Amino acid sequence: MIPKLFGTDGVRGEANAGVMTVENAVQIGRAIGLLCQRHHKHQRVRVLIGKDTRRSGYLFENAMVAGLCSVGADAYVVGPLPTPGIAFMTVGIRADAGVVISASHNPFADNGIKVFGPDGYKLPDELEAQIERWVAQPQPLQAALATGADIGRAYRLDDAWGRYTVKLKTTFPNDLTLDGVKIAVDAANGAAYKVAPMVLEELGAEVVLLGAKPDGKNINEQCGALHPQALAKAVVDQGCHIGLALDGDADRLVLVDEKGRIVDGDHIMALCAPRMKIRGELRGHAVVATVMSNFGLEMALREHGIALLRTDVGDRHVVGAMRKGGYSLGGEQSGHLVFLDHATTGDGVLAALQVLAIAVREQRPVSELAQAMTTIPQVLINLPVRDKPPIASLAAVSGAISDVTQQLQGFGRVLVRYSGTEKKCRVMVEGQDEDSVRRYAERIASSVQSAIGV
């Protein structure tokens, strides 16, 4: 059996352990190089490499360069840059692939590898599977090793962040500016610590900057999209109009309104979609979200004649459904927001610019815009687990889910699923009464913990 490397969002795990070893990174680099050679048949394959600000990024950046060059591919290294920036630059320099070394929102001790194709989209499952086969059975990689003048070269692209900054500014309407808008930005000590404030300031905003002093260990540490409390306080204390919280690789966004209240991805889609429909930009009159999006989003969109289509969790599933159905807006409650007319993956800064354009054009505060939907009470419990047996095989868990579903009487829903990147089981219950919903969620969580908890 071929060992599994790729999860829902690339390879991810504790740096220098498990699947995220230097040895695996070298082999993955070789596999990417060989894959590109076979699919594109250029005289010299070119692969772009970016990363976030984790200390272990140095390990894997150099390992990927070594792997690529060893099979005759050329590596173009850009250093810290948001994941969507790598997707954009991969297309921009006509590279055969783009690699992001990042574990996104995970703690600094983790790291990961995401791979984009020449079109800027994440690799399809079958190509990831091919990489896994070659890493497990590396004879083709050994046969592809280059010698002499055929060994690849490495280059550094120092202007990548500047090119990406220009791209982001083109997504903001030419007839608007951010003059007079005061914005607090929490860059999570991650990949957007330079790009995010620069874009906003060049559009005219006054920026209050948090989480922009990465030291290799403080990425996502009590800051950014996962921990927006400090940002909320800064917004209120410093009289900002809005707060923007990004995660470590800046592919997700959580907003804070001028009153210090959190605005998640569901609310952002709820306020953007109707306006896109009016402008003729909402293809298919539908939004693609995941099974985790709040039922309130579905009800809010329905009022505007907009359908909500749900996928499995993960922005690659959202993007896949968007491409297949020809839709232009999709995302996740957690803040992955995809505006497919502008980007091929979730982009936190780009999403923020879309909301800022609405606020400026309509001269309305974010707190008012966020009323586009009413959140149905939802409780989410994350449980550490030893293993991940099928939920349906756990009789006590299945029984608890069935009982709770009956008690909700059609005015709510239950979702129990495993994380695709961590050893966790997520129990989510929605309903009309928060106290009841919490009791239901705790009951199901208790059954999960008894069955497979650590």
Protein backbone atom coordinates (compact mmCIF):
# COMPACT_ATOMS: atom_id res chain seq x y z
CA MET A 1 0.00 0.00 0.00
CA ILE A 2 1.34 3.44 -0.98
CA PRO A 3 1.77 5.67 2.12
CA LYS A 4 -0.51 8.71 2.10
CA LEU A 5 1.33 12.05 1.96
CA PHE A 6 -1.28 14.50 0.70
CA GLY A 7 -4.27 15.49 2.82
CA THR A 8 -7.04 17.96 2.08
CA ASP A 9 -4.54 20.78 1.64
CA GLY A 10 -1.20 19.35 0.58
CA VAL A 11 1.34 17.54 2.73
CA ARG A 12 1.27 18.69 6.34
CA GLY A 13 2.63 17.65 9.72
CA GLU A 14 5.22 18.33 12.38
CA ALA A 15 8.35 19.72 10.77
CA ASN A 16 11.30 17.31 10.62
CA ALA A 17 9.11 14.38 11.70
CA GLY A 18 6.49 12.05 10.25
CA VAL A 19 5.73 12.89 6.61
CA MET A 20 7.35 16.34 6.80
CA THR A 21 11.00 15.27 6.70
CA VAL A 22 13.79 16.80 4.65
CA GLU A 23 14.22 13.46 2.90
CA ASN A 24 10.58 13.43 1.81
CA ALA A 25 10.82 17.05 0.68
CA VAL A 26 13.80 16.23 -1.56
CA GLN A 27 11.89 13.31 -3.08
CA ILE A 28 8.73 15.39 -3.52
CA GLY A 29 10.84 18.02 -5.28
CA ARG A 30 12.22 15.35 -7.61
CA ALA A 31 8.73 13.98 -8.24
CA ILE A 32 7.38 17.44 -9.09
CA GLY A 33 10.26 18.00 -11.48
CA LEU A 34 9.74 14.66 -13.20
CA LEU A 35 5.98 15.19 -13.35
CA CYS A 36 6.48 18.55 -15.07
CA GLN A 37 8.99 17.08 -17.52
CA ARG A 38 6.57 14.35 -18.56
CA HIS A 39 3.53 16.64 -18.83
CA HIS A 40 5.05 19.75 -20.37
CA LYS A 41 8.16 18.44 -22.14
CA HIS A 42 10.07 21.74 -21.94
CA GLN A 43 13.78 21.77 -22.48
CA ARG A 44 14.11 23.09 -18.93
CA VAL A 45 11.32 22.81 -16.36
CA ARG A 46 10.77 25.83 -14.09
CA VAL A 47 9.22 25.57 -10.62
CA LEU A 48 8.41 28.51 -8.31
CA ILE A 49 8.96 28.08 -4.55
CA GLY A 50 7.50 30.31 -1.83
CA LYS A 51 6.99 29.93 1.89
CA ASP A 52 5.58 31.51 5.03
CA THR A 53 7.67 32.68 7.98
CA ARG A 54 8.20 29.43 9.94
CA ARG A 55 11.74 28.66 11.01
CA SER A 56 11.53 25.23 9.39
CA GLY A 57 10.84 26.90 6.05
CA TYR A 58 14.59 27.14 5.51
CA LEU A 59 14.88 23.35 5.75
CA PHE A 60 12.21 22.60 3.21
CA GLU A 61 12.96 25.45 0.84
CA ASN A 62 16.51 24.17 0.38
CA ALA A 63 15.36 20.56 0.23
CA MET A 64 12.86 21.36 -2.53
CA VAL A 65 15.53 23.26 -4.47
CA ALA A 66 17.90 20.31 -4.16
CA GLY A 67 15.26 17.83 -5.28
CA LEU A 68 14.23 19.89 -8.29
CA CYS A 69 17.76 20.69 -9.43
CA SER A 70 18.80 17.04 -9.04
CA VAL A 71 16.39 16.03 -11.82
CA GLY A 72 17.33 18.93 -14.07
CA ALA A 73 14.57 21.40 -13.16
CA ASP A 74 15.24 25.05 -12.38
CA ALA A 75 13.95 26.47 -9.09
CA TYR A 76 12.80 30.08 -8.68
CA VAL A 77 12.78 31.05 -4.99
CA VAL A 78 10.73 34.02 -3.79
CA GLY A 79 10.89 33.72 0.02
CA PRO A 80 7.86 34.64 2.19
CA LEU A 81 4.79 35.28 0.05
CA PRO A 82 1.09 34.48 0.59
CA THR A 83 -0.15 31.23 -0.91
CA PRO A 84 -2.38 33.08 -3.43
CA GLY A 85 0.67 35.13 -4.42
CA ILE A 86 2.50 31.94 -5.38
CA ALA A 87 -0.51 30.78 -7.41
CA PHE A 88 -0.56 34.14 -9.21
CA MET A 89 3.20 34.22 -9.81
CA THR A 90 3.23 30.62 -11.10
CA VAL A 91 0.99 31.74 -13.94
CA GLY A 92 2.73 35.10 -14.26
CA ILE A 93 6.20 33.73 -14.95
CA ARG A 94 4.79 30.75 -16.88
CA ALA A 95 6.28 28.26 -14.46
CA ASP A 96 5.42 24.59 -14.81
CA ALA A 97 4.46 24.36 -11.13
CA GLY A 98 4.38 26.40 -7.94
CA VAL A 99 5.23 25.15 -4.47
CA VAL A 100 4.17 26.73 -1.17
CA ILE A 101 5.99 25.66 1.98
CA SER A 102 3.44 26.42 4.68
CA ALA A 103 1.18 24.82 7.26
CA SER A 104 -1.32 27.69 6.90
CA HIS A 105 -3.09 28.24 10.25
CA ASN A 106 -1.25 25.45 12.13
CA PRO A 107 1.22 26.17 14.99
CA PHE A 108 4.77 27.13 14.04
CA ALA A 109 6.21 23.65 14.77
CA ASP A 110 4.24 22.23 11.82
CA ASN A 111 4.92 22.79 8.15
CA GLY A 112 3.54 21.64 4.82
CA ILE A 113 3.91 21.52 1.06
CA LYS A 114 1.20 22.66 -1.36
CA VAL A 115 1.62 22.28 -5.11
CA PHE A 116 0.03 24.37 -7.87
CA GLY A 117 -0.08 23.50 -11.55
CA PRO A 118 0.87 25.92 -14.35
CA ASP A 119 -2.72 27.23 -14.38
CA GLY A 120 -2.46 28.40 -10.75
CA TYR A 121 -4.83 25.72 -9.42
CA LYS A 122 -3.87 23.08 -6.88
CA LEU A 123 -2.86 19.77 -8.40
CA PRO A 124 -5.69 17.30 -9.03
CA ASP A 125 -5.85 14.15 -6.91
CA GLU A 126 -4.43 11.88 -9.60
CA LEU A 127 -1.22 13.93 -9.90
CA GLU A 128 -0.79 14.06 -6.13
CA ALA A 129 -1.22 10.28 -6.14
CA GLN A 130 1.50 9.97 -8.78
CA ILE A 131 3.89 11.97 -6.57
CA GLU A 132 3.06 9.66 -3.66
CA ARG A 133 3.80 6.57 -5.77
CA TRP A 134 7.18 7.90 -6.84
CA VAL A 135 8.16 8.89 -3.30
CA ALA A 136 7.22 5.40 -2.07
CA GLN A 137 8.83 3.59 -5.03
CA PRO A 138 11.56 6.00 -6.20
CA GLN A 139 13.10 4.01 -9.05
CA PRO A 140 11.78 6.51 -11.67
CA LEU A 141 13.22 9.37 -9.61
CA GLN A 142 16.61 7.68 -9.42
CA ALA A 143 16.53 7.08 -13.16
CA ALA A 144 15.77 10.79 -13.76
CA LEU A 145 18.77 12.12 -11.80
CA ALA A 146 20.75 14.62 -13.84
CA THR A 147 24.52 15.02 -14.09
CA GLY A 148 26.93 17.59 -15.46
CA ALA A 149 25.37 20.48 -17.35
CA ASP A 150 21.92 18.89 -17.06
CA ILE A 151 21.70 19.64 -13.33
CA GLY A 152 19.19 22.40 -12.67
CA ARG A 153 19.88 25.88 -11.36
CA ALA A 154 18.32 28.02 -8.62
CA TYR A 155 17.34 31.68 -8.98
CA ARG A 156 15.92 34.20 -6.52
CA LEU A 157 13.03 36.44 -7.59
CA ASP A 158 13.27 39.53 -5.39
CA ASP A 159 10.33 41.39 -6.94
CA ALA A 160 7.63 38.74 -6.49
CA TRP A 161 5.90 40.53 -3.61
CA GLY A 162 5.88 43.76 -5.65
CA ARG A 163 4.25 42.06 -8.62
CA TYR A 164 1.65 40.47 -6.37
CA THR A 165 0.94 43.82 -4.68
CA VAL A 166 0.21 45.38 -8.07
CA LYS A 167 -2.10 42.48 -8.94
CA LEU A 168 -4.08 42.93 -5.71
CA LYS A 169 -4.56 46.65 -6.32
CA THR A 170 -6.06 45.96 -9.74
CA THR A 171 -8.94 44.12 -8.04
CA PHE A 172 -10.02 47.34 -6.27
CA PRO A 173 -12.28 49.64 -8.36
CA ASN A 174 -10.38 52.40 -10.15
CA ASP A 175 -12.98 55.02 -9.21
CA LEU A 176 -12.56 54.42 -5.46
CA THR A 177 -9.82 55.07 -2.92
CA LEU A 178 -9.30 54.21 0.74
CA ASP A 179 -8.54 57.82 1.65
CA GLY A 180 -9.81 58.51 5.16
CA VAL A 181 -10.31 54.83 5.99
CA LYS A 182 -8.49 53.60 9.08
CA ILE A 183 -7.80 49.87 8.97
CA ALA A 184 -6.29 47.59 11.60
CA VAL A 185 -4.46 44.62 10.05
CA ASP A 186 -3.28 41.51 11.87
CA ALA A 187 -0.91 39.65 9.53
CA ALA A 188 -0.50 36.70 11.96
CA ASN A 189 3.29 37.17 11.84
CA GLY A 190 2.96 35.31 8.58
CA ALA A 191 3.51 35.55 4.85
CA ALA A 192 1.51 38.77 4.27
CA TYR A 193 3.32 40.91 6.84
CA LYS A 194 4.72 43.13 4.05
CA VAL A 195 2.14 42.76 1.31
CA ALA A 196 -1.08 43.48 3.24
CA PRO A 197 -0.15 46.88 4.73
CA MET A 198 1.55 47.99 1.51
CA VAL A 199 -1.52 47.31 -0.63
CA LEU A 200 -3.83 49.16 1.73
CA GLU A 201 -1.52 52.12 2.24
CA GLU A 202 -0.95 52.53 -1.49
CA LEU A 203 -4.73 52.67 -1.94
CA GLY A 204 -4.85 55.51 0.59
CA ALA A 205 -5.71 53.83 3.90
CA GLU A 206 -4.25 54.57 7.30
CA VAL A 207 -3.04 51.21 8.62
CA VAL A 208 -2.67 50.10 12.24
CA LEU A 209 -0.44 47.06 11.98
CA LEU A 210 -0.38 44.03 14.28
CA GLY A 211 1.26 40.62 13.87
CA ALA A 212 3.93 41.90 11.49
CA LYS A 213 7.13 41.00 13.35
CA PRO A 214 7.77 37.36 12.44
CA ASP A 215 10.60 35.65 14.31
CA GLY A 216 10.15 32.14 12.91
CA LYS A 217 8.22 30.94 15.95
CA ASN A 218 5.34 33.37 16.46
CA ILE A 219 3.32 32.68 13.31
CA ASN A 220 -0.39 32.31 14.26
CA GLU A 221 0.54 32.59 17.95
CA GLN A 222 -2.42 34.29 19.67
CA CYS A 223 -2.90 36.43 16.58
CA GLY A 224 -4.40 36.43 13.11
CA ALA A 225 -7.58 34.80 11.83
CA LEU A 226 -7.60 32.10 14.51
CA HIS A 227 -7.15 34.56 17.39
CA PRO A 228 -8.69 37.92 16.40
CA GLN A 229 -9.24 39.14 19.97
CA ALA A 230 -6.23 41.48 20.00
CA LEU A 231 -7.29 42.88 16.65
CA ALA A 232 -10.83 43.50 17.92
CA LYS A 233 -9.43 45.45 20.87
CA ALA A 234 -7.15 47.49 18.58
CA VAL A 235 -10.05 48.36 16.28
CA VAL A 236 -12.09 49.77 19.15
CA ASP A 237 -9.22 51.40 21.06
CA GLN A 238 -7.81 53.15 17.99
CA GLY A 239 -11.09 54.06 16.33
CA CYS A 240 -10.62 51.97 13.19
CA HIS A 241 -13.33 51.51 10.60
CA ILE A 242 -12.51 47.83 10.12
CA GLY A 243 -10.07 45.10 11.15
CA LEU A 244 -8.57 42.47 8.87
CA ALA A 245 -7.23 39.23 10.36
CA LEU A 246 -5.21 36.94 8.09
CA ASP A 247 -3.70 33.52 8.78
CA GLY A 248 -0.12 32.32 8.38
CA ASP A 249 -0.20 32.00 4.59
CA ALA A 250 -2.87 34.70 4.09
CA ASP A 251 -5.32 32.56 2.16
CA ARG A 252 -8.10 33.22 4.67
CA LEU A 253 -9.71 36.33 6.14
CA VAL A 254 -11.74 37.13 9.24
CA LEU A 255 -13.11 40.66 9.62
CA VAL A 256 -13.72 42.77 12.70
CA ASP A 257 -16.34 45.52 12.43
CA GLU A 258 -15.91 48.99 13.91
CA LYS A 259 -17.57 47.83 17.13
CA GLY A 260 -15.06 45.03 17.64
CA ARG A 261 -17.34 42.17 16.56
CA ILE A 262 -16.09 39.23 14.50
CA VAL A 263 -17.38 38.83 10.93
CA ASP A 264 -16.68 35.37 9.51
CA GLY A 265 -16.53 33.99 5.99
CA ASP A 266 -20.25 33.21 5.83
CA HIS A 267 -21.16 36.83 6.50
CA ILE A 268 -18.65 38.03 3.92
CA MET A 269 -20.21 35.80 1.26
CA ALA A 270 -23.69 36.93 2.32
CA LEU A 271 -22.84 40.60 1.81
CA CYS A 272 -20.81 40.15 -1.40
CA ALA A 273 -23.04 37.75 -3.33
CA PRO A 274 -26.16 39.94 -3.79
CA ARG A 275 -24.06 42.87 -5.01
CA MET A 276 -22.19 40.64 -7.42
CA LYS A 277 -25.55 39.41 -8.72
CA ILE A 278 -26.74 42.98 -9.33
CA ARG A 279 -23.53 43.75 -11.24
CA GLY A 280 -23.92 40.60 -13.32
CA GLU A 281 -20.79 39.04 -11.79
CA LEU A 282 -22.37 36.15 -9.86
CA ARG A 283 -22.29 33.40 -12.45
CA GLY A 284 -24.98 30.77 -12.07
CA HIS A 285 -26.73 32.89 -9.40
CA ALA A 286 -25.16 30.58 -6.83
CA VAL A 287 -22.49 30.51 -4.12
CA VAL A 288 -20.38 27.45 -3.34
CA ALA A 289 -19.70 26.81 0.36
CA THR A 290 -18.98 23.77 2.49
CA VAL A 291 -21.00 21.59 4.82
CA MET A 292 -19.69 23.75 7.70
CA SER A 293 -21.31 26.99 6.51
CA ASN A 294 -24.11 28.22 8.74
CA PHE A 295 -27.71 27.57 7.72
CA GLY A 296 -28.28 31.29 8.11
CA LEU A 297 -26.18 31.88 4.98
CA GLU A 298 -28.46 29.62 3.00
CA MET A 299 -31.54 31.52 4.18
CA ALA A 300 -29.98 34.93 3.49
CA LEU A 301 -28.97 34.05 -0.05
CA ARG A 302 -32.36 32.53 -0.78
CA GLU A 303 -33.98 35.93 -0.17
CA HIS A 304 -31.97 37.28 -3.12
CA GLY A 305 -32.71 34.36 -5.40
CA ILE A 306 -29.24 32.90 -4.90
CA ALA A 307 -28.65 29.20 -4.35
CA LEU A 308 -26.12 27.78 -1.88
CA LEU A 309 -24.24 24.70 -3.07
CA ARG A 310 -22.31 22.71 -0.45
CA THR A 311 -19.12 20.67 -0.77
CA ASP A 312 -16.85 18.75 1.57
CA VAL A 313 -14.59 20.86 3.78
CA GLY A 314 -11.50 22.29 2.12
CA ASP A 315 -10.98 25.13 -0.32
CA ARG A 316 -9.83 22.69 -3.03
CA HIS A 317 -13.32 21.09 -2.94
CA VAL A 318 -14.91 24.54 -3.14
CA VAL A 319 -12.73 25.58 -6.06
CA GLY A 320 -13.31 22.26 -7.81
CA ALA A 321 -17.09 22.69 -7.62
CA MET A 322 -16.80 26.31 -8.76
CA ARG A 323 -14.76 25.37 -11.81
CA LYS A 324 -17.02 22.45 -12.69
CA GLY A 325 -20.20 24.52 -12.41
CA GLY A 326 -18.82 27.80 -13.71
CA TYR A 327 -19.47 29.73 -10.48
CA SER A 328 -17.61 32.89 -9.47
CA LEU A 329 -17.94 33.08 -5.66
CA GLY A 330 -17.29 30.45 -3.03
CA GLY A 331 -15.68 29.98 0.33
CA GLU A 332 -15.68 28.66 3.84
CA GLN A 333 -16.96 29.93 7.14
CA SER A 334 -13.35 29.88 8.37
CA GLY A 335 -12.44 32.63 5.92
CA HIS A 336 -11.19 30.93 2.76
CA LEU A 337 -12.92 33.13 0.17
CA VAL A 338 -12.53 32.53 -3.53
CA PHE A 339 -13.34 35.20 -6.10
CA LEU A 340 -12.65 33.10 -9.16
CA ASP A 341 -12.67 36.05 -11.58
CA HIS A 342 -9.63 37.42 -9.74
CA ALA A 343 -7.78 34.44 -8.24
CA THR A 344 -7.47 30.67 -8.45
CA THR A 345 -7.45 30.05 -4.70
CA GLY A 346 -8.53 31.67 -1.42
CA ASP A 347 -6.98 35.11 -0.92
CA GLY A 348 -7.44 37.02 2.34
CA VAL A 349 -6.21 40.40 1.14
CA LEU A 350 -8.20 40.22 -2.09
CA ALA A 351 -11.36 39.33 -0.17
CA ALA A 352 -10.79 42.27 2.17
CA LEU A 353 -10.54 44.61 -0.82
CA GLN A 354 -13.92 43.40 -2.11
CA VAL A 355 -15.57 44.22 1.23
CA LEU A 356 -13.76 47.55 1.50
CA ALA A 357 -14.98 48.52 -1.97
CA ILE A 358 -18.58 47.87 -0.91
CA ALA A 359 -18.19 49.83 2.34
CA VAL A 360 -16.61 52.81 0.57
CA ARG A 361 -19.05 52.88 -2.35
CA GLU A 362 -22.11 52.61 -0.12
CA GLN A 363 -20.68 54.68 2.74
CA ARG A 364 -21.96 52.15 5.26
CA PRO A 365 -20.19 50.77 8.34
CA VAL A 366 -19.13 47.13 8.36
CA SER A 367 -21.43 46.41 11.30
CA GLU A 368 -24.38 47.33 9.09
CA LEU A 369 -23.11 45.41 6.07
CA ALA A 370 -22.61 42.29 8.22
CA GLN A 371 -26.33 42.19 8.94
CA ALA A 372 -26.74 40.62 5.50
CA MET A 373 -27.30 37.33 7.34
CA THR A 374 -28.40 36.18 10.77
CA THR A 375 -26.34 33.38 12.23
CA ILE A 376 -28.31 30.34 13.36
CA PRO A 377 -26.98 29.06 16.73
CA GLN A 378 -24.10 26.71 15.95
CA VAL A 379 -21.81 24.82 18.32
CA LEU A 380 -18.58 23.25 17.10
CA ILE A 381 -16.53 20.94 19.34
CA ASN A 382 -13.08 19.75 18.27
CA LEU A 383 -11.99 16.50 19.88
CA PRO A 384 -8.50 14.94 19.71
CA VAL A 385 -8.72 11.32 18.56
CA ARG A 386 -6.33 8.38 18.35
CA ASP A 387 -7.67 7.00 15.06
CA LYS A 388 -10.24 7.88 12.42
CA PRO A 389 -12.58 4.90 11.94
CA PRO A 390 -15.68 5.60 9.81
CA ILE A 391 -18.27 7.42 11.90
CA ALA A 392 -20.96 5.05 10.65
CA SER A 393 -19.05 2.13 12.16
CA LEU A 394 -19.36 3.59 15.67
CA ALA A 395 -22.75 2.41 16.89
CA ALA A 396 -22.97 4.68 19.95
CA VAL A 397 -21.99 7.76 17.93
CA SER A 398 -24.42 6.94 15.14
CA GLY A 399 -27.17 6.45 17.71
CA ALA A 400 -26.48 9.81 19.36
CA ILE A 401 -26.48 11.55 15.97
CA SER A 402 -29.81 9.93 15.05
CA ASP A 403 -31.44 10.90 18.36
CA VAL A 404 -30.27 14.52 18.15
CA THR A 405 -31.38 14.82 14.53
CA GLN A 406 -34.86 13.66 15.52
CA GLN A 407 -35.04 16.18 18.39
CA LEU A 408 -34.09 19.04 16.06
CA GLN A 409 -37.28 18.26 14.11
CA GLY A 410 -35.99 19.65 10.83
CA PHE A 411 -34.98 23.04 12.26
CA GLY A 412 -31.27 22.35 12.39
CA ARG A 413 -28.61 19.88 11.37
CA VAL A 414 -25.82 17.69 12.70
CA LEU A 415 -22.40 17.21 11.13
CA VAL A 416 -19.70 14.92 12.52
CA ARG A 417 -16.48 14.69 10.51
CA TYR A 418 -12.74 14.23 10.88
CA SER A 419 -10.25 16.99 10.20
CA GLY A 420 -8.34 16.42 7.01
CA THR A 421 -5.11 17.87 8.45
CA GLU A 422 -5.17 17.03 12.17
CA LYS A 423 -6.06 14.06 14.42
CA LYS A 424 -9.35 15.64 15.44
CA CYS A 425 -13.04 14.88 15.15
CA ARG A 426 -15.28 17.89 14.62
CA VAL A 427 -18.82 17.77 16.04
CA MET A 428 -21.12 20.51 14.77
CA VAL A 429 -24.78 21.03 15.67
CA GLU A 430 -27.08 23.85 14.48
CA GLY A 431 -30.56 24.67 15.75
CA GLN A 432 -32.90 27.38 16.95
CA ASP A 433 -31.96 27.38 20.65
CA GLU A 434 -28.30 27.79 21.63
CA ASP A 435 -28.57 26.05 25.00
CA SER A 436 -30.20 22.99 23.46
CA VAL A 437 -27.72 22.98 20.60
CA ARG A 438 -24.82 22.99 23.05
CA ARG A 439 -26.30 20.10 25.02
CA TYR A 440 -26.81 18.12 21.83
CA ALA A 441 -23.24 18.78 20.66
CA GLU A 442 -21.79 17.82 24.02
CA ARG A 443 -23.82 14.61 24.03
CA ILE A 444 -22.48 13.57 20.61
CA ALA A 445 -18.96 14.67 21.53
CA SER A 446 -19.10 12.53 24.66
CA SER A 447 -20.03 9.49 22.58
CA VAL A 448 -17.12 10.19 20.22
CA GLN A 449 -14.72 10.61 23.11
CA SER A 450 -15.83 7.31 24.65
CA ALA A 451 -15.36 5.52 21.35
CA ILE A 452 -12.06 6.92 20.02
CA GLY A 453 -10.89 9.85 22.16
CA VAL A 454 -7.33 10.13 23.44
